[in-house]
Amino acid sequence: IVDIRKFMDDAYNRIFPPVDFAAEFQVYDELKDSTETFVMSFEGGRWFYEDPADVETATKIKCKLSDFSSLMMGSAEFGGLARLGVMETNNPGRTRLLDYLLHAEQKPFTNTDY
């Protein structure tokens, strides 16, 4: 994922479980050597990219962009990444909920020859 906000906007039609929840993500981009901080909120079966100054959240997550991309594309589950220490969270009690919310029913595929 090159642009997280664009990815979330483009995937707006994705349906999520009917849970209201918000988590702040600090995603480190290894190539740009910069960190993007945003809130991923869930409301009414949809997700939203929001400014942390506008949303109060008790759950904060730190990760690298490559791992975040794997999570968003369904190549990995949040719980597994958290257990490995790849997704650092200040609120491990919310791991199951994040696993539930971010689970992808269909795994990514490509038909490009490498």
N, C-alpha and C. Protein backbone atom coordinates (compact mmCIF):
# COMPACT_ATOMS: atom_id res chain seq x y z
N ILE A 1 0.86 -1.17 0.00
CA ILE A 1 0.00 0.00 0.00
C ILE A 1 0.91 1.22 0.00
N VAL A 2 0.71 2.07 -0.96
CA VAL A 2 1.53 3.27 -1.09
C VAL A 2 0.90 4.44 -0.34
N ASP A 3 -0.42 4.56 -0.44
CA ASP A 3 -1.14 5.66 0.19
C ASP A 3 -2.28 5.06 1.03
N ILE A 4 -2.13 5.07 2.34
CA ILE A 4 -3.10 4.42 3.22
C ILE A 4 -4.48 5.05 3.11
N ARG A 5 -4.55 6.37 3.13
CA ARG A 5 -5.85 7.05 3.04
C ARG A 5 -6.56 6.67 1.73
N LYS A 6 -5.82 6.70 0.63
CA LYS A 6 -6.43 6.35 -0.67
C LYS A 6 -6.90 4.90 -0.67
N PHE A 7 -6.08 4.01 -0.11
CA PHE A 7 -6.47 2.60 -0.03
C PHE A 7 -7.79 2.45 0.72
N MET A 8 -7.89 3.12 1.88
CA MET A 8 -9.11 2.99 2.68
C MET A 8 -10.30 3.63 1.96
N ASP A 9 -10.07 4.76 1.30
CA ASP A 9 -11.15 5.40 0.53
C ASP A 9 -11.60 4.51 -0.62
N ASP A 10 -10.64 3.92 -1.33
CA ASP A 10 -10.97 3.05 -2.47
C ASP A 10 -11.68 1.77 -2.03
N ALA A 11 -11.40 1.32 -0.81
CA ALA A 11 -12.02 0.10 -0.29
C ALA A 11 -13.21 0.42 0.62
N TYR A 12 -13.78 1.59 0.45
CA TYR A 12 -14.88 2.03 1.31
C TYR A 12 -16.08 1.08 1.26
N ASN A 13 -16.28 0.40 0.14
CA ASN A 13 -17.44 -0.50 0.00
C ASN A 13 -17.26 -1.82 0.74
N ARG A 14 -16.08 -2.03 1.30
CA ARG A 14 -15.86 -3.25 2.08
C ARG A 14 -16.77 -3.23 3.31
N ILE A 15 -17.43 -4.34 3.56
CA ILE A 15 -18.36 -4.44 4.68
C ILE A 15 -17.64 -5.04 5.88
N PHE A 16 -17.79 -4.40 7.03
CA PHE A 16 -17.18 -4.85 8.27
C PHE A 16 -18.27 -5.27 9.26
N PRO A 17 -17.90 -6.03 10.27
CA PRO A 17 -18.88 -6.39 11.30
C PRO A 17 -19.46 -5.12 11.94
N PRO A 18 -20.70 -5.21 12.40
CA PRO A 18 -21.36 -4.02 12.97
C PRO A 18 -20.87 -3.69 14.38
N VAL A 19 -19.63 -3.25 14.46
CA VAL A 19 -19.00 -2.90 15.74
C VAL A 19 -18.48 -1.48 15.63
N ASP A 20 -18.73 -0.67 16.63
CA ASP A 20 -18.17 0.68 16.67
C ASP A 20 -16.89 0.63 17.49
N PHE A 21 -15.79 1.00 16.84
CA PHE A 21 -14.47 0.90 17.47
C PHE A 21 -13.51 1.81 16.72
N ALA A 22 -12.49 2.29 17.42
CA ALA A 22 -11.46 3.11 16.79
C ALA A 22 -10.10 2.76 17.38
N ALA A 23 -9.09 2.76 16.53
CA ALA A 23 -7.73 2.50 16.97
C ALA A 23 -6.79 3.44 16.24
N GLU A 24 -5.83 3.97 16.97
CA GLU A 24 -4.83 4.84 16.36
C GLU A 24 -3.68 3.98 15.84
N PHE A 25 -3.30 4.20 14.60
CA PHE A 25 -2.18 3.48 13.99
C PHE A 25 -1.03 4.45 13.77
N GLN A 26 0.16 4.00 14.10
CA GLN A 26 1.40 4.70 13.76
C GLN A 26 2.15 3.76 12.84
N VAL A 27 2.14 4.09 11.55
CA VAL A 27 2.70 3.20 10.53
C VAL A 27 3.99 3.80 9.99
N TYR A 28 5.09 3.08 10.21
CA TYR A 28 6.40 3.53 9.77
C TYR A 28 6.67 3.04 8.35
N ASP A 29 6.92 3.98 7.44
CA ASP A 29 7.25 3.66 6.06
C ASP A 29 8.77 3.53 5.95
N GLU A 30 9.24 2.32 5.73
CA GLU A 30 10.67 2.04 5.68
C GLU A 30 11.36 2.74 4.52
N LEU A 31 10.67 2.90 3.41
CA LEU A 31 11.29 3.52 2.23
C LEU A 31 11.39 5.03 2.37
N LYS A 32 10.38 5.64 2.91
CA LYS A 32 10.38 7.10 3.07
C LYS A 32 10.99 7.56 4.39
N ASP A 33 11.24 6.62 5.29
CA ASP A 33 11.74 6.92 6.63
C ASP A 33 10.85 7.96 7.32
N SER A 34 9.55 7.68 7.30
CA SER A 34 8.58 8.58 7.93
C SER A 34 7.46 7.76 8.55
N THR A 35 6.75 8.38 9.47
CA THR A 35 5.64 7.71 10.16
C THR A 35 4.34 8.44 9.88
N GLU A 36 3.32 7.69 9.54
CA GLU A 36 1.98 8.23 9.33
C GLU A 36 1.12 7.80 10.51
N THR A 37 0.50 8.77 11.16
CA THR A 37 -0.37 8.49 12.29
C THR A 37 -1.79 8.85 11.92
N PHE A 38 -2.70 7.91 12.13
CA PHE A 38 -4.11 8.13 11.79
C PHE A 38 -4.96 7.23 12.67
N VAL A 39 -6.25 7.51 12.68
CA VAL A 39 -7.20 6.66 13.40
C VAL A 39 -8.01 5.89 12.37
N MET A 40 -8.07 4.59 12.55
CA MET A 40 -8.95 3.74 11.76
C MET A 40 -10.17 3.49 12.63
N SER A 41 -11.30 4.04 12.19
CA SER A 41 -12.51 3.87 12.99
C SER A 41 -13.52 3.03 12.21
N PHE A 42 -14.32 2.32 12.95
CA PHE A 42 -15.36 1.46 12.39
C PHE A 42 -16.70 1.91 12.96
N GLU A 43 -17.65 2.11 12.07
CA GLU A 43 -18.98 2.53 12.51
C GLU A 43 -19.99 2.13 11.44
N GLY A 44 -21.05 1.49 11.86
CA GLY A 44 -22.11 1.10 10.93
C GLY A 44 -21.66 0.17 9.82
N GLY A 45 -20.68 -0.69 10.12
CA GLY A 45 -20.23 -1.66 9.11
C GLY A 45 -19.25 -1.06 8.10
N ARG A 46 -18.79 0.16 8.32
CA ARG A 46 -17.83 0.81 7.41
C ARG A 46 -16.59 1.24 8.20
N TRP A 47 -15.53 1.52 7.48
CA TRP A 47 -14.33 2.02 8.13
C TRP A 47 -14.04 3.43 7.63
N PHE A 48 -13.28 4.17 8.45
CA PHE A 48 -12.97 5.55 8.14
C PHE A 48 -11.53 5.86 8.54
N TYR A 49 -10.88 6.69 7.75
CA TYR A 49 -9.54 7.21 8.04
C TYR A 49 -9.77 8.57 8.68
N GLU A 50 -9.28 8.75 9.92
CA GLU A 50 -9.54 9.99 10.61
C GLU A 50 -8.26 10.54 11.25
N ASP A 51 -8.30 11.83 11.52
CA ASP A 51 -7.19 12.53 12.17
C ASP A 51 -7.22 12.20 13.66
N PRO A 52 -6.08 11.82 14.25
CA PRO A 52 -6.05 11.50 15.69
C PRO A 52 -6.50 12.67 16.58
N ALA A 53 -6.36 13.89 16.11
CA ALA A 53 -6.80 15.04 16.90
C ALA A 53 -8.32 15.11 17.01
N ASP A 54 -9.02 14.43 16.09
CA ASP A 54 -10.49 14.48 16.05
C ASP A 54 -11.17 13.32 16.75
N VAL A 55 -10.41 12.26 17.06
CA VAL A 55 -11.01 11.05 17.61
C VAL A 55 -10.21 10.58 18.82
N GLU A 56 -10.89 10.36 19.92
CA GLU A 56 -10.23 9.83 21.11
C GLU A 56 -10.27 8.31 21.06
N THR A 57 -9.11 7.70 21.28
CA THR A 57 -9.06 6.24 21.26
C THR A 57 -8.10 5.74 22.33
N ALA A 58 -8.44 4.61 22.92
CA ALA A 58 -7.60 4.02 23.97
C ALA A 58 -6.63 2.99 23.39
N THR A 59 -6.84 2.61 22.15
CA THR A 59 -6.00 1.58 21.54
C THR A 59 -5.07 2.20 20.52
N LYS A 60 -3.78 1.94 20.70
CA LYS A 60 -2.76 2.46 19.79
C LYS A 60 -1.92 1.30 19.28
N ILE A 61 -1.60 1.36 17.99
CA ILE A 61 -0.86 0.29 17.34
C ILE A 61 0.30 0.88 16.56
N LYS A 62 1.48 0.27 16.70
CA LYS A 62 2.66 0.67 15.94
C LYS A 62 3.07 -0.51 15.06
N CYS A 63 3.41 -0.19 13.80
CA CYS A 63 3.87 -1.24 12.90
C CYS A 63 4.60 -0.61 11.71
N LYS A 64 5.18 -1.46 10.90
CA LYS A 64 5.82 -1.02 9.66
C LYS A 64 4.78 -1.09 8.54
N LEU A 65 4.97 -0.26 7.51
CA LEU A 65 4.04 -0.21 6.39
C LEU A 65 3.94 -1.57 5.69
N SER A 66 5.05 -2.27 5.58
CA SER A 66 5.02 -3.58 4.92
C SER A 66 4.12 -4.56 5.68
N ASP A 67 4.17 -4.53 6.99
CA ASP A 67 3.32 -5.42 7.79
C ASP A 67 1.86 -4.95 7.76
N PHE A 68 1.66 -3.65 7.80
CA PHE A 68 0.31 -3.09 7.69
C PHE A 68 -0.32 -3.51 6.36
N SER A 69 0.47 -3.44 5.30
CA SER A 69 -0.02 -3.83 3.97
C SER A 69 -0.41 -5.31 3.94
N SER A 70 0.41 -6.16 4.55
CA SER A 70 0.08 -7.58 4.62
C SER A 70 -1.24 -7.80 5.36
N LEU A 71 -1.44 -7.05 6.42
CA LEU A 71 -2.68 -7.15 7.19
C LEU A 71 -3.88 -6.70 6.36
N MET A 72 -3.76 -5.57 5.68
CA MET A 72 -4.87 -5.03 4.90
C MET A 72 -5.22 -5.89 3.70
N MET A 73 -4.22 -6.55 3.12
CA MET A 73 -4.45 -7.37 1.94
C MET A 73 -4.88 -8.79 2.29
N GLY A 74 -4.95 -9.10 3.57
CA GLY A 74 -5.42 -10.41 3.98
C GLY A 74 -4.35 -11.48 3.98
N SER A 75 -3.10 -11.09 3.85
CA SER A 75 -2.00 -12.07 3.86
C SER A 75 -1.63 -12.50 5.26
N ALA A 76 -2.05 -11.73 6.25
CA ALA A 76 -1.74 -12.03 7.65
C ALA A 76 -2.90 -11.58 8.52
N GLU A 77 -2.99 -12.16 9.69
CA GLU A 77 -4.04 -11.79 10.65
C GLU A 77 -3.44 -10.92 11.74
N PHE A 78 -4.23 -10.00 12.28
CA PHE A 78 -3.74 -9.10 13.31
C PHE A 78 -3.23 -9.87 14.53
N GLY A 79 -3.99 -10.85 14.98
CA GLY A 79 -3.60 -11.60 16.17
C GLY A 79 -2.25 -12.27 16.03
N GLY A 80 -2.01 -12.88 14.87
CA GLY A 80 -0.73 -13.52 14.63
C GLY A 80 0.42 -12.53 14.61
N LEU A 81 0.20 -11.40 13.96
CA LEU A 81 1.23 -10.37 13.91
C LEU A 81 1.49 -9.77 15.30
N ALA A 82 0.43 -9.65 16.09
CA ALA A 82 0.59 -9.12 17.46
C ALA A 82 1.38 -10.12 18.32
N ARG A 83 1.06 -11.41 18.19
CA ARG A 83 1.78 -12.42 18.97
C ARG A 83 3.27 -12.46 18.61
N LEU A 84 3.58 -12.18 17.35
CA LEU A 84 4.98 -12.15 16.91
C LEU A 84 5.68 -10.85 17.29
N GLY A 85 4.91 -9.88 17.76
CA GLY A 85 5.49 -8.58 18.13
C GLY A 85 5.63 -7.63 16.96
N VAL A 86 5.09 -8.01 15.82
CA VAL A 86 5.15 -7.17 14.62
C VAL A 86 4.18 -6.00 14.73
N MET A 87 3.02 -6.25 15.29
CA MET A 87 2.05 -5.20 15.59
C MET A 87 2.15 -4.94 17.09
N GLU A 88 2.67 -3.80 17.47
CA GLU A 88 2.80 -3.45 18.88
C GLU A 88 1.54 -2.69 19.29
N THR A 89 0.92 -3.12 20.38
CA THR A 89 -0.28 -2.44 20.85
C THR A 89 -0.20 -2.17 22.34
N ASN A 90 -0.78 -1.07 22.75
CA ASN A 90 -0.83 -0.73 24.17
C ASN A 90 -2.04 -1.37 24.84
N ASN A 91 -2.88 -2.03 24.05
CA ASN A 91 -4.13 -2.58 24.56
C ASN A 91 -4.32 -4.00 24.03
N PRO A 92 -3.53 -4.97 24.53
CA PRO A 92 -3.63 -6.34 24.01
C PRO A 92 -5.01 -6.97 24.21
N GLY A 93 -5.81 -6.42 25.10
CA GLY A 93 -7.16 -6.93 25.29
C GLY A 93 -8.07 -6.70 24.09
N ARG A 94 -7.65 -5.87 23.17
CA ARG A 94 -8.44 -5.59 21.96
C ARG A 94 -7.94 -6.38 20.74
N THR A 95 -6.97 -7.27 20.95
CA THR A 95 -6.41 -8.04 19.84
C THR A 95 -7.48 -8.87 19.13
N ARG A 96 -8.31 -9.56 19.89
CA ARG A 96 -9.36 -10.39 19.27
C ARG A 96 -10.33 -9.55 18.45
N LEU A 97 -10.69 -8.38 18.99
CA LEU A 97 -11.62 -7.50 18.27
C LEU A 97 -10.98 -7.02 16.97
N LEU A 98 -9.73 -6.62 17.01
CA LEU A 98 -9.05 -6.18 15.79
C LEU A 98 -8.90 -7.33 14.80
N ASP A 99 -8.62 -8.51 15.31
CA ASP A 99 -8.55 -9.70 14.46
C ASP A 99 -9.88 -9.91 13.75
N TYR A 100 -10.95 -9.78 14.49
CA TYR A 100 -12.31 -9.96 13.96
C TYR A 100 -12.64 -8.89 12.92
N LEU A 101 -12.33 -7.64 13.23
CA LEU A 101 -12.66 -6.54 12.32
C LEU A 101 -11.84 -6.57 11.03
N LEU A 102 -10.58 -6.93 11.13
CA LEU A 102 -9.69 -6.84 9.97
C LEU A 102 -9.50 -8.15 9.23
N HIS A 103 -10.26 -9.16 9.59
CA HIS A 103 -10.17 -10.45 8.88
C HIS A 103 -10.68 -10.29 7.45
N ALA A 104 -9.90 -10.76 6.50
CA ALA A 104 -10.31 -10.71 5.08
C ALA A 104 -10.81 -12.09 4.68
N GLU A 105 -12.01 -12.14 4.17
CA GLU A 105 -12.61 -13.42 3.75
C GLU A 105 -11.85 -14.01 2.56
N GLN A 106 -11.42 -13.15 1.64
CA GLN A 106 -10.73 -13.64 0.45
C GLN A 106 -9.29 -13.17 0.47
N LYS A 107 -8.39 -14.08 0.29
CA LYS A 107 -6.98 -13.74 0.27
C LYS A 107 -6.62 -13.08 -1.06
N PRO A 108 -5.59 -12.23 -1.08
CA PRO A 108 -5.20 -11.58 -2.33
C PRO A 108 -4.62 -12.60 -3.31
N PHE A 109 -4.74 -12.26 -4.57
CA PHE A 109 -4.16 -13.14 -5.58
C PHE A 109 -3.63 -12.26 -6.71
N THR A 110 -2.76 -12.85 -7.48
CA THR A 110 -2.24 -12.17 -8.67
C THR A 110 -2.08 -13.22 -9.77
N ASN A 111 -2.25 -12.79 -10.98
CA ASN A 111 -2.03 -13.71 -12.09
C ASN A 111 -0.84 -13.24 -12.91
N THR A 112 0.06 -12.51 -12.26
CA THR A 112 1.30 -12.03 -12.90
C THR A 112 2.37 -13.09 -12.69
N ASP A 113 3.08 -13.41 -13.76
CA ASP A 113 4.20 -14.35 -13.68
C ASP A 113 5.42 -13.62 -13.13
N TYR A 114 6.12 -14.25 -12.22
CA TYR A 114 7.33 -13.66 -11.66
C TYR A 114 8.53 -14.42 -12.12
